[in-house]
Amino acid sequence: MDTISNYVDSVFAQLPTTPEVSEQKNAMLTKMQDKYQQLKAEGKSEHEAISGAIAAHGNIDDFTSSSTASASAAPAATPENEVFLSPEQVDEYINHRHHFAWAMATGVFLCIMGPASLFLGQYLTGFRGGRTSELLDILTIVPLFLFIAAGVALFILYGMKEQQFELEEKRVQLDTATYARLKAEHKNFRPRLAVAVAIGVALCILAPVSMLLSVVLLGEENGLSLVFLLSFIAIGVFLFIFYGIQDETYEKLLSIGEFAKDKAEKNKVVGIVAGVVFPLAAAVYLIAGFVYGMWATAWIIFPIVGILFGIFATVYNGYMDLRKKK
């Protein structure tokens, strides 16, 4: 029910606070709540009941006069760099982005767990036999390539699906009812995002702690210390990406946050740099591991690159803000 109240508040947020508007707002809220209760009585789920109530009585034009509704009407034409999405197109895009978030998060998780599977295999084979045969050494590498191959396959498959929507560098325009619905959904999503980020940060902080505890309890030469380290980081990164992409989807559709008009150019440059730097870091890590056998130490490149990239993004955005003020 809070979703319905938030939706109605968002719909009328830009209209003047007058007795007439307040009456119209209450009328919409009452009808939507009645419809919600009706659908729940029919056995509909919470999501279905809310969606049905919004679809049935969520159009502001049904409750406002032409004078108050004119401010919320959808534009008749959009500039070349803008695109108008219907409610059906919005729902299709959100559904795709949910799967896209899962695929990207899982892909990164698999790429991080690939080296972890290698260390785990080496630990298990060494523990069983004391010495590992050449065949066992080769077999411990197989999961590494399988994990990375599966991760890359997800990147390619869902990356191609992402391009089908052609929303890159486009500013999305929505009708008032859809915009208000998404704004209410985004407001309800933010607490889940905050919890996910908090858990992810905690896991990344605990990752080196788990490695140190493993070294203390099992000895310096055990491979499990790196397995624990990478596993904690992999789960934390999964949470960051999965929930971050979904939050990004709402911001993209609502043209807020990093997708606000004044931030578009800054994000484009930062995105290009990120698209070059992080794959290079991964390549350096793999080369250092396979060629020089530095699996145990080469992982340090990722936090170093992350810190340097964060500094670059902050400095560049600050520089662009100063240029704009001048």
Protein backbone atom coordinates (compact mmCIF):
# COMPACT_ATOMS: atom_id res chain seq x y z
CA MET A 1 0.00 0.00 0.00
CA ASP A 2 2.94 2.32 0.59
CA THR A 3 3.84 1.90 -3.08
CA ILE A 4 0.40 3.17 -4.12
CA SER A 5 0.64 6.17 -1.77
CA ASN A 6 4.13 6.99 -3.06
CA TYR A 7 2.88 6.67 -6.62
CA VAL A 8 0.00 9.10 -6.06
CA ASP A 9 2.31 11.56 -4.28
CA SER A 10 4.70 11.44 -7.25
CA VAL A 11 1.91 11.97 -9.78
CA PHE A 12 0.68 15.14 -8.07
CA ALA A 13 4.11 16.39 -6.94
CA GLN A 14 4.43 18.99 -9.72
CA LEU A 15 0.86 20.27 -9.53
CA PRO A 16 -0.13 23.28 -7.42
CA THR A 17 -1.40 22.61 -3.90
CA THR A 18 -5.01 23.73 -4.16
CA PRO A 19 -8.25 22.34 -2.67
CA GLU A 20 -9.26 21.09 -6.13
CA VAL A 21 -5.97 19.24 -6.67
CA SER A 22 -6.09 17.76 -3.16
CA GLU A 23 -9.61 16.48 -3.85
CA GLN A 24 -8.48 14.93 -7.13
CA LYS A 25 -5.46 13.37 -5.40
CA ASN A 26 -7.63 11.79 -2.72
CA ALA A 27 -10.03 10.50 -5.37
CA MET A 28 -7.19 8.75 -7.23
CA LEU A 29 -5.78 7.28 -4.02
CA THR A 30 -9.20 5.97 -2.94
CA LYS A 31 -9.95 4.34 -6.30
CA MET A 32 -6.49 2.75 -6.47
CA GLN A 33 -6.75 1.40 -2.93
CA ASP A 34 -10.20 -0.03 -3.67
CA LYS A 35 -8.88 -1.68 -6.83
CA TYR A 36 -5.91 -3.04 -4.91
CA GLN A 37 -8.16 -4.61 -2.27
CA GLN A 38 -10.40 -6.08 -4.99
CA LEU A 39 -7.44 -7.70 -6.77
CA LYS A 40 -6.03 -9.06 -3.51
CA ALA A 41 -9.44 -10.59 -2.72
CA GLU A 42 -9.32 -12.29 -6.13
CA GLY A 43 -6.07 -13.99 -5.13
CA LYS A 44 -3.63 -11.74 -6.97
CA SER A 45 -0.09 -11.33 -5.64
CA GLU A 46 1.11 -8.08 -4.06
CA HIS A 47 2.94 -7.02 -7.23
CA GLU A 48 0.02 -7.95 -9.48
CA ALA A 49 -2.45 -6.08 -7.28
CA ILE A 50 -0.34 -2.91 -7.24
CA SER A 51 0.31 -3.07 -11.01
CA GLY A 52 -3.39 -3.66 -11.68
CA ALA A 53 -4.43 -0.72 -9.49
CA ILE A 54 -1.97 1.58 -11.25
CA ALA A 55 -3.06 0.38 -14.68
CA ALA A 56 -6.74 0.86 -13.84
CA HIS A 57 -6.68 4.22 -12.06
CA GLY A 58 -3.13 5.56 -12.37
CA ASN A 59 -3.77 7.97 -15.23
CA ILE A 60 -3.67 11.53 -13.92
CA ASP A 61 -5.77 12.77 -16.84
CA ASP A 62 -8.76 10.85 -15.47
CA PHE A 63 -8.73 12.92 -12.29
CA THR A 64 -7.35 16.35 -13.18
CA SER A 65 -8.90 19.07 -15.24
CA SER A 66 -7.33 20.05 -18.55
CA SER A 67 -5.71 23.09 -16.96
CA THR A 68 -3.86 21.07 -14.33
CA ALA A 69 -3.13 18.10 -16.54
CA SER A 70 -1.51 20.08 -19.34
CA ALA A 71 1.75 20.35 -17.43
CA SER A 72 2.07 16.56 -17.28
CA ALA A 73 1.20 15.68 -20.86
CA ALA A 74 3.80 13.74 -22.85
CA PRO A 75 5.69 15.75 -25.48
CA ALA A 76 4.37 15.53 -29.01
CA ALA A 77 7.89 15.29 -30.42
CA THR A 78 11.28 14.58 -28.97
CA PRO A 79 14.73 15.83 -30.00
CA GLU A 80 17.12 13.51 -31.82
CA ASN A 81 19.04 12.57 -28.65
CA GLU A 82 15.83 11.76 -26.73
CA VAL A 83 13.51 8.78 -26.96
CA PHE A 84 9.94 8.35 -25.69
CA LEU A 85 9.14 4.95 -24.19
CA SER A 86 5.63 3.59 -23.73
CA PRO A 87 4.71 1.78 -20.48
CA GLU A 88 5.03 -1.57 -22.28
CA GLN A 89 8.51 -0.68 -23.56
CA VAL A 90 9.53 0.44 -20.07
CA ASP A 91 8.40 -2.87 -18.53
CA GLU A 92 10.23 -4.81 -21.25
CA TYR A 93 13.41 -2.80 -20.63
CA ILE A 94 13.24 -3.26 -16.85
CA ASN A 95 12.72 -7.02 -17.27
CA HIS A 96 15.74 -7.19 -19.58
CA ARG A 97 17.89 -5.13 -17.22
CA HIS A 98 17.03 -7.43 -14.31
CA HIS A 99 18.36 -10.39 -16.29
CA PHE A 100 21.26 -8.26 -17.55
CA ALA A 101 22.20 -7.37 -13.95
CA TRP A 102 22.14 -11.04 -12.99
CA ALA A 103 24.28 -12.00 -16.01
CA MET A 104 26.90 -9.28 -15.47
CA ALA A 105 27.14 -9.95 -11.73
CA THR A 106 27.36 -13.70 -12.28
CA GLY A 107 29.93 -13.26 -15.05
CA VAL A 108 32.22 -11.20 -12.82
CA PHE A 109 31.65 -13.63 -9.94
CA LEU A 110 32.74 -16.55 -12.15
CA CYS A 111 35.82 -14.69 -13.39
CA ILE A 112 36.90 -14.00 -9.80
CA MET A 113 36.11 -17.54 -8.65
CA GLY A 114 38.13 -19.00 -11.55
CA PRO A 115 41.50 -18.41 -9.84
CA ALA A 116 39.89 -19.45 -6.53
CA SER A 117 38.96 -22.83 -8.08
CA LEU A 118 42.58 -23.20 -9.22
CA PHE A 119 43.92 -22.60 -5.71
CA LEU A 120 41.32 -24.93 -4.21
CA GLY A 121 42.20 -27.68 -6.68
CA GLN A 122 45.90 -27.32 -5.96
CA TYR A 123 45.23 -27.43 -2.23
CA LEU A 124 43.06 -30.57 -2.46
CA THR A 125 45.40 -32.49 -4.76
CA GLY A 126 48.41 -31.55 -2.68
CA PHE A 127 46.61 -32.54 0.53
CA ARG A 128 45.66 -35.95 -0.80
CA GLY A 129 48.90 -37.10 -2.29
CA GLY A 130 51.57 -34.89 -0.88
CA ARG A 131 52.83 -34.45 -4.43
CA THR A 132 50.69 -33.79 -7.47
CA SER A 133 51.20 -35.58 -10.75
CA GLU A 134 51.44 -33.76 -14.03
CA LEU A 135 47.89 -34.86 -14.93
CA LEU A 136 46.46 -33.49 -11.69
CA ASP A 137 48.28 -30.20 -12.24
CA ILE A 138 46.57 -29.90 -15.62
CA LEU A 139 43.17 -30.87 -14.24
CA THR A 140 43.33 -28.15 -11.58
CA ILE A 141 43.59 -25.56 -14.37
CA VAL A 142 40.46 -26.81 -16.18
CA PRO A 143 37.93 -25.22 -13.77
CA LEU A 144 39.73 -21.88 -14.14
CA PHE A 145 39.11 -21.81 -17.89
CA LEU A 146 35.56 -23.15 -17.53
CA PHE A 147 34.64 -20.39 -15.04
CA ILE A 148 36.19 -17.65 -17.19
CA ALA A 149 34.62 -19.04 -20.39
CA ALA A 150 31.17 -19.10 -18.77
CA GLY A 151 31.62 -15.55 -17.47
CA VAL A 152 32.73 -14.23 -20.86
CA ALA A 153 29.82 -16.03 -22.55
CA LEU A 154 27.39 -14.20 -20.25
CA PHE A 155 29.07 -10.86 -21.02
CA ILE A 156 28.77 -11.41 -24.77
CA LEU A 157 25.23 -12.84 -24.79
CA TYR A 158 23.62 -10.20 -22.60
CA GLY A 159 25.83 -7.42 -23.96
CA MET A 160 24.36 -8.08 -27.41
CA LYS A 161 20.83 -8.04 -25.96
CA GLU A 162 21.61 -4.72 -24.29
CA GLN A 163 22.48 -3.16 -27.66
CA GLN A 164 19.07 -4.07 -29.07
CA PHE A 165 17.39 -1.35 -26.98
CA GLU A 166 19.53 1.43 -28.52
CA LEU A 167 19.29 3.66 -25.46
CA GLU A 168 23.01 4.44 -25.27
CA GLU A 169 23.55 8.21 -25.00
CA LYS A 170 19.77 8.70 -25.24
CA ARG A 171 17.70 10.68 -22.77
CA VAL A 172 14.47 8.83 -21.93
CA GLN A 173 11.10 10.58 -21.92
CA LEU A 174 8.09 9.00 -20.18
CA ASP A 175 4.43 9.82 -19.71
CA THR A 176 3.52 11.19 -16.29
CA ALA A 177 1.88 8.03 -14.96
CA THR A 178 4.82 5.80 -15.91
CA TYR A 179 7.32 8.31 -14.52
CA ALA A 180 5.45 8.46 -11.21
CA ARG A 181 5.20 4.66 -11.03
CA LEU A 182 8.94 4.24 -11.62
CA LYS A 183 9.75 6.95 -9.11
CA ALA A 184 7.73 5.11 -6.46
CA GLU A 185 9.36 1.78 -7.35
CA HIS A 186 12.81 3.38 -7.19
CA LYS A 187 12.05 4.82 -3.77
CA ASN A 188 11.08 1.36 -2.51
CA PHE A 189 14.17 -0.19 -4.12
CA ARG A 190 16.70 2.14 -2.47
CA PRO A 191 16.59 0.49 1.00
CA ARG A 192 17.40 -2.90 -0.59
CA LEU A 193 20.28 -1.27 -2.47
CA ALA A 194 21.63 0.22 0.75
CA VAL A 195 21.54 -3.17 2.50
CA ALA A 196 23.27 -4.88 -0.44
CA VAL A 197 26.02 -2.25 -0.57
CA ALA A 198 26.54 -2.48 3.20
CA ILE A 199 26.88 -6.28 3.02
CA GLY A 200 29.19 -6.01 0.00
CA VAL A 201 31.46 -3.50 1.73
CA ALA A 202 31.55 -5.67 4.86
CA LEU A 203 32.53 -8.73 2.82
CA CYS A 204 35.32 -6.85 1.04
CA ILE A 205 36.65 -5.61 4.38
CA LEU A 206 36.46 -9.12 5.86
CA ALA A 207 38.16 -10.69 2.82
CA PRO A 208 41.77 -9.96 3.92
CA VAL A 209 40.78 -10.83 7.51
CA SER A 210 39.65 -14.29 6.36
CA MET A 211 42.92 -14.73 4.49
CA LEU A 212 44.99 -13.78 7.54
CA LEU A 213 43.01 -16.12 9.80
CA SER A 214 43.54 -18.95 7.32
CA VAL A 215 47.29 -18.28 7.29
CA VAL A 216 47.43 -18.25 11.09
CA LEU A 217 45.34 -21.42 11.54
CA LEU A 218 46.47 -23.48 8.53
CA GLY A 219 49.95 -22.16 7.78
CA GLU A 220 51.47 -19.80 5.25
CA GLU A 221 51.66 -22.29 2.39
CA ASN A 222 47.99 -23.30 2.33
CA GLY A 223 46.03 -22.30 -0.77
CA LEU A 224 42.77 -21.91 1.12
CA SER A 225 43.78 -18.42 2.29
CA LEU A 226 43.46 -17.13 -1.28
CA VAL A 227 40.25 -19.12 -1.80
CA PHE A 228 38.68 -17.37 1.19
CA LEU A 229 39.97 -13.98 0.04
CA LEU A 230 38.63 -14.30 -3.50
CA SER A 231 35.32 -15.85 -2.39
CA PHE A 232 34.51 -12.97 -0.04
CA ILE A 233 35.43 -10.43 -2.73
CA ALA A 234 33.45 -12.30 -5.40
CA ILE A 235 30.25 -12.27 -3.33
CA GLY A 236 30.70 -8.60 -2.43
CA VAL A 237 31.29 -7.60 -6.04
CA PHE A 238 28.27 -9.66 -7.14
CA LEU A 239 26.07 -7.61 -4.78
CA PHE A 240 27.56 -4.31 -5.99
CA ILE A 241 26.96 -5.14 -9.65
CA PHE A 242 23.56 -6.85 -9.35
CA TYR A 243 21.92 -4.11 -7.32
CA GLY A 244 23.95 -1.31 -8.88
CA ILE A 245 22.76 -2.11 -12.41
CA GLN A 246 19.14 -2.20 -11.27
CA ASP A 247 19.54 1.16 -9.56
CA GLU A 248 21.23 2.46 -12.72
CA THR A 249 18.20 1.28 -14.72
CA TYR A 250 15.82 3.43 -12.67
CA GLU A 251 18.17 6.41 -12.90
CA LYS A 252 18.42 5.95 -16.67
CA LEU A 253 14.64 5.84 -17.13
CA LEU A 254 14.03 8.73 -14.72
CA SER A 255 16.99 10.80 -16.06
CA ILE A 256 18.33 11.37 -12.55
CA GLY A 257 21.60 10.73 -10.74
CA GLU A 258 24.42 9.91 -13.14
CA PHE A 259 22.03 10.15 -16.09
CA ALA A 260 21.02 13.74 -15.45
CA LYS A 261 21.65 15.92 -18.45
CA ASP A 262 24.55 17.85 -16.92
CA LYS A 263 26.40 14.63 -16.07
CA ALA A 264 26.09 12.82 -19.37
CA GLU A 265 29.36 14.06 -20.89
CA LYS A 266 31.37 13.35 -17.74
CA ASN A 267 30.02 9.82 -17.49
CA LYS A 268 30.84 9.12 -21.14
CA VAL A 269 34.54 9.89 -20.66
CA VAL A 270 34.78 8.06 -17.33
CA GLY A 271 33.02 5.04 -18.88
CA ILE A 272 35.50 4.93 -21.78
CA VAL A 273 38.45 5.00 -19.38
CA ALA A 274 36.89 2.26 -17.22
CA GLY A 275 36.30 0.12 -20.32
CA VAL A 276 40.04 0.24 -21.06
CA VAL A 277 41.64 0.20 -17.60
CA PHE A 278 39.85 -2.71 -15.92
CA PRO A 279 40.26 -5.22 -18.81
CA LEU A 280 43.95 -4.29 -18.90
CA ALA A 281 44.20 -4.98 -15.16
CA ALA A 282 42.61 -8.39 -15.67
CA ALA A 283 45.04 -9.14 -18.54
CA VAL A 284 48.04 -8.16 -16.40
CA TYR A 285 46.76 -10.39 -13.58
CA LEU A 286 46.41 -13.40 -15.88
CA ILE A 287 49.82 -12.84 -17.48
CA ALA A 288 51.48 -12.49 -14.08
CA GLY A 289 49.79 -15.68 -12.91
CA PHE A 290 50.35 -17.94 -15.91
CA VAL A 291 53.78 -16.68 -17.00
CA TYR A 292 55.40 -15.83 -13.67
CA GLY A 293 53.29 -17.91 -11.26
CA MET A 294 52.39 -14.83 -9.19
CA TRP A 295 48.80 -15.85 -8.42
CA ALA A 296 49.33 -15.26 -4.70
CA THR A 297 50.43 -11.62 -5.07
CA ALA A 298 49.25 -10.34 -8.46
CA TRP A 299 45.67 -9.82 -7.21
CA ILE A 300 46.87 -6.61 -5.56
CA ILE A 301 46.57 -4.95 -8.98
CA PHE A 302 42.76 -4.84 -8.68
CA PRO A 303 42.51 -2.69 -5.51
CA ILE A 304 45.34 -0.48 -6.81
CA VAL A 305 43.59 0.09 -10.15
CA GLY A 306 40.28 0.64 -8.34
CA ILE A 307 41.77 3.33 -6.09
CA LEU A 308 43.56 5.09 -8.97
CA PHE A 309 40.43 4.99 -11.13
CA GLY A 310 38.35 6.44 -8.28
CA ILE A 311 40.86 9.29 -7.94
CA PHE A 312 40.78 9.92 -11.69
CA ALA A 313 36.96 9.97 -11.81
CA THR A 314 36.77 12.38 -8.88
CA VAL A 315 39.41 14.74 -10.29
CA TYR A 316 37.93 14.67 -13.79
CA ASN A 317 34.39 15.34 -12.60
CA GLY A 318 35.64 18.19 -10.41
CA TYR A 319 37.53 19.66 -13.34
CA MET A 320 34.45 19.51 -15.57
CA ASP A 321 32.36 21.20 -12.87
CA LEU A 322 34.90 24.03 -12.61
CA ARG A 323 34.92 24.50 -16.39
CA LYS A 324 31.14 24.74 -16.42
CA LYS A 325 31.16 27.43 -13.72
CA LYS A 326 33.65 29.49 -15.72
